[in-house]
C-alpha cells in the first residue's frame, strides 16, 4: 500500500529509511480523506493536530473548544487558510513529512527519548498522533493510537 500523495520516487525523508519503507509508513498514517477534520480537530489525510501545526509555525492561536475541551483549533497563518489546507493533499503530505523528520531529529539528538522496546517507526507514529505526551504515557496509549503504532512497528 502506498500513500496517494507520495511522488513515484519520494526523496529520502529519514536517514537510513528506504523510500519503500517511508511510503509504507506514510500510507499507514494516512487515515482519513484530505478534506476531513476529525472529532478532536485533527486536520486532513494525516490527521495533523492543530498543536503540531502551531509548533511547525504553520498556524497560531491554539485553543480548545467545547465543554470537554478535547477539540483543538488553530488559525492558519496567511495566506494559508483552513479551507485551502483541507483542499491540498500534497501540502498535507509535505507537512506530515516535515513533522516526522523534525521528530526524528529530536530523537537523534536526545531531545526526545525513544521508549524502551519501541521501534523508531512506532515512536514516530506515537509522536505524530499524540505529541510528546504520548512518549510520557507510552504504556497507557489509547487503543486507537496503539493500533496505529502496532501497524508501523516493523516498517523500520
Protein backbone atom coordinates (compact mmCIF):
# COMPACT_ATOMS: atom_id res chain seq x y z
CA UNK A 1 0.00 0.00 0.00
CA UNK A 2 1.34 3.44 -0.83
CA UNK A 3 0.04 6.79 0.12
CA UNK A 4 -1.80 8.65 -2.59
CA UNK A 5 0.29 11.77 -2.09
CA UNK A 6 3.86 10.47 -2.27
CA UNK A 7 5.59 11.06 -5.58
CA UNK A 8 6.60 7.95 -7.51
CA UNK A 9 10.18 8.28 -6.26
CA UNK A 10 9.94 10.10 -2.94
CA UNK A 11 13.02 11.76 -1.58
CA UNK A 12 14.52 10.14 1.48
CA UNK A 13 12.80 11.77 4.42
CA UNK A 14 14.56 9.90 7.22
CA UNK A 15 18.24 8.89 7.14
CA UNK A 16 18.60 5.13 6.91
CA UNK A 17 14.96 4.56 5.91
CA UNK A 18 14.36 3.37 2.35
CA UNK A 19 11.87 5.10 0.10
CA UNK A 20 9.70 1.96 0.16
CA UNK A 21 9.70 1.83 3.97
CA UNK A 22 8.86 5.53 4.11
CA UNK A 23 5.94 5.03 1.71
CA UNK A 24 4.60 2.18 3.86
CA UNK A 25 4.91 4.32 6.98
CA UNK A 26 3.18 7.32 5.40
CA UNK A 27 0.41 5.13 4.00
CA UNK A 28 -0.24 3.59 7.42
CA UNK A 29 -0.68 7.04 8.94
CA UNK A 30 -2.92 8.32 6.15
CA UNK A 31 -6.18 7.65 7.94
CA UNK A 32 -8.90 9.85 6.51
CA UNK A 33 -9.84 11.85 3.43
CA UNK A 34 -7.83 15.05 2.91
CA UNK A 35 -10.89 17.29 3.41
CA UNK A 36 -11.89 15.77 6.78
CA UNK A 37 -11.48 17.23 10.26
CA UNK A 38 -11.67 14.59 12.99
CA UNK A 39 -13.88 14.81 16.08
CA UNK A 40 -10.87 16.08 18.07
CA UNK A 41 -9.91 18.69 15.47
CA UNK A 42 -7.14 16.80 13.63
CA UNK A 43 -6.95 18.01 10.04
CA UNK A 44 -6.60 16.27 6.71
CA UNK A 45 -5.45 12.90 5.50
CA UNK A 46 -2.75 12.52 8.17
CA UNK A 47 -4.87 13.94 11.00
CA UNK A 48 -2.36 16.71 11.69
CA UNK A 49 -3.09 18.07 15.13
CA UNK A 50 -3.59 21.83 15.45
CA UNK A 51 -0.96 21.77 18.21
CA UNK A 52 1.60 20.40 15.73
CA UNK A 53 0.63 22.92 13.04
CA UNK A 54 1.39 25.65 15.58
CA UNK A 55 4.72 24.00 16.51
CA UNK A 56 5.60 23.92 12.79
CA UNK A 57 4.75 27.65 12.59
CA UNK A 58 2.05 26.99 10.02
CA UNK A 59 -0.69 28.20 12.37
CA UNK A 60 -1.10 30.10 15.59
CA UNK A 61 -3.68 30.87 18.29
CA UNK A 62 -4.06 27.28 19.53
CA UNK A 63 -7.12 26.87 21.72
CA UNK A 64 -9.64 24.29 22.88
CA UNK A 65 -13.35 24.27 22.10
CA UNK A 66 -16.35 22.56 23.59
CA UNK A 67 -17.35 21.74 27.12
CA UNK A 68 -14.91 18.83 27.37
CA UNK A 69 -12.06 20.92 25.86
CA UNK A 70 -10.88 17.91 23.82
CA UNK A 71 -11.24 19.64 20.44
CA UNK A 72 -8.21 21.71 19.43
CA UNK A 73 -8.45 24.53 16.89
CA UNK A 74 -5.95 26.98 15.47
CA UNK A 75 -5.77 29.83 13.00
CA UNK A 76 -3.73 29.30 9.86
CA UNK A 77 -1.11 31.92 9.12
CA UNK A 78 -1.97 33.93 6.00
CA UNK A 79 -2.03 33.38 3.13
CA UNK A 80 -2.96 29.81 4.15
CA UNK A 81 -6.49 29.10 5.33
CA UNK A 82 -8.10 26.03 6.82
CA UNK A 83 -10.11 25.57 3.63
CA UNK A 84 -7.03 25.73 1.39
CA UNK A 85 -5.16 23.32 3.67
CA UNK A 86 -8.00 20.79 3.59
CA UNK A 87 -8.18 21.07 -0.21
CA UNK A 88 -4.44 20.38 -0.75
CA UNK A 89 -3.41 16.78 -0.03
CA UNK A 90 0.15 17.35 -1.30
CA UNK A 91 0.63 20.16 1.18
CA UNK A 92 -0.71 17.90 3.92
CA UNK A 93 1.81 15.23 2.92
CA UNK A 94 4.62 17.78 2.84
CA UNK A 95 3.83 18.99 6.37
CA UNK A 96 3.46 15.41 7.60
CA UNK A 97 6.91 14.56 6.20
CA UNK A 98 8.42 17.71 7.71
CA UNK A 99 6.84 16.95 11.08
CA UNK A 100 8.14 13.38 11.15
CA UNK A 101 11.63 14.49 10.06
CA UNK A 102 11.73 17.03 12.90
CA UNK A 103 10.58 14.46 15.46
CA UNK A 104 13.23 12.07 14.13
CA UNK A 105 15.89 14.77 14.53
CA UNK A 106 14.77 15.35 18.13
CA UNK A 107 15.05 11.60 18.81
CA UNK A 108 18.52 11.53 17.23
CA UNK A 109 19.79 14.45 19.34
CA UNK A 110 18.29 13.08 22.56
CA UNK A 111 15.82 15.93 22.97
CA UNK A 112 13.15 13.22 22.87
CA UNK A 113 13.75 9.69 24.17
CA UNK A 114 12.54 6.60 22.33
CA UNK A 115 10.66 4.34 24.77
CA UNK A 116 12.40 1.12 25.73
CA UNK A 117 11.34 -1.72 23.43
CA UNK A 118 9.75 0.59 20.83
CA UNK A 119 10.94 0.79 17.25
CA UNK A 120 11.75 4.14 15.65
CA UNK A 121 8.68 3.86 13.40
CA UNK A 122 6.41 3.16 16.33
CA UNK A 123 7.87 6.06 18.31
CA UNK A 124 7.44 8.47 15.40
CA UNK A 125 3.85 7.31 14.90
CA UNK A 126 3.08 7.89 18.59
CA UNK A 127 4.61 11.37 18.41
CA UNK A 128 2.61 12.16 15.28
CA UNK A 129 -0.65 11.03 16.85
CA UNK A 130 -0.24 12.16 20.44
CA UNK A 131 2.67 14.58 20.55
CA UNK A 132 5.32 14.46 23.25
CA UNK A 133 2.76 13.33 25.82
CA UNK A 134 2.42 10.01 24.04
CA UNK A 135 6.01 9.15 24.95
CA UNK A 136 5.45 10.02 28.61
CA UNK A 137 2.45 7.69 28.77
CA UNK A 138 3.84 5.04 26.40
CA UNK A 139 2.35 2.12 28.33
CA UNK A 140 -1.05 3.84 28.53
CA UNK A 141 -1.67 4.79 24.89
CA UNK A 142 -5.27 4.97 23.74
CA UNK A 143 -6.36 1.80 21.91
CA UNK A 144 -6.59 3.59 18.55
CA UNK A 145 -3.11 5.07 18.99
CA UNK A 146 -1.69 1.68 20.00
CA UNK A 147 -3.26 0.08 16.90
CA UNK A 148 -1.68 2.66 14.61
CA UNK A 149 1.70 2.29 16.32
CA UNK A 150 1.48 -1.50 16.03
CA UNK A 151 0.70 -1.13 12.31
CA UNK A 152 4.06 0.54 11.67
CA UNK A 153 6.16 -1.32 14.27
CA UNK A 154 8.16 -3.48 11.86
CA UNK A 155 8.49 -0.99 8.99
CA UNK A 156 11.78 0.43 10.33
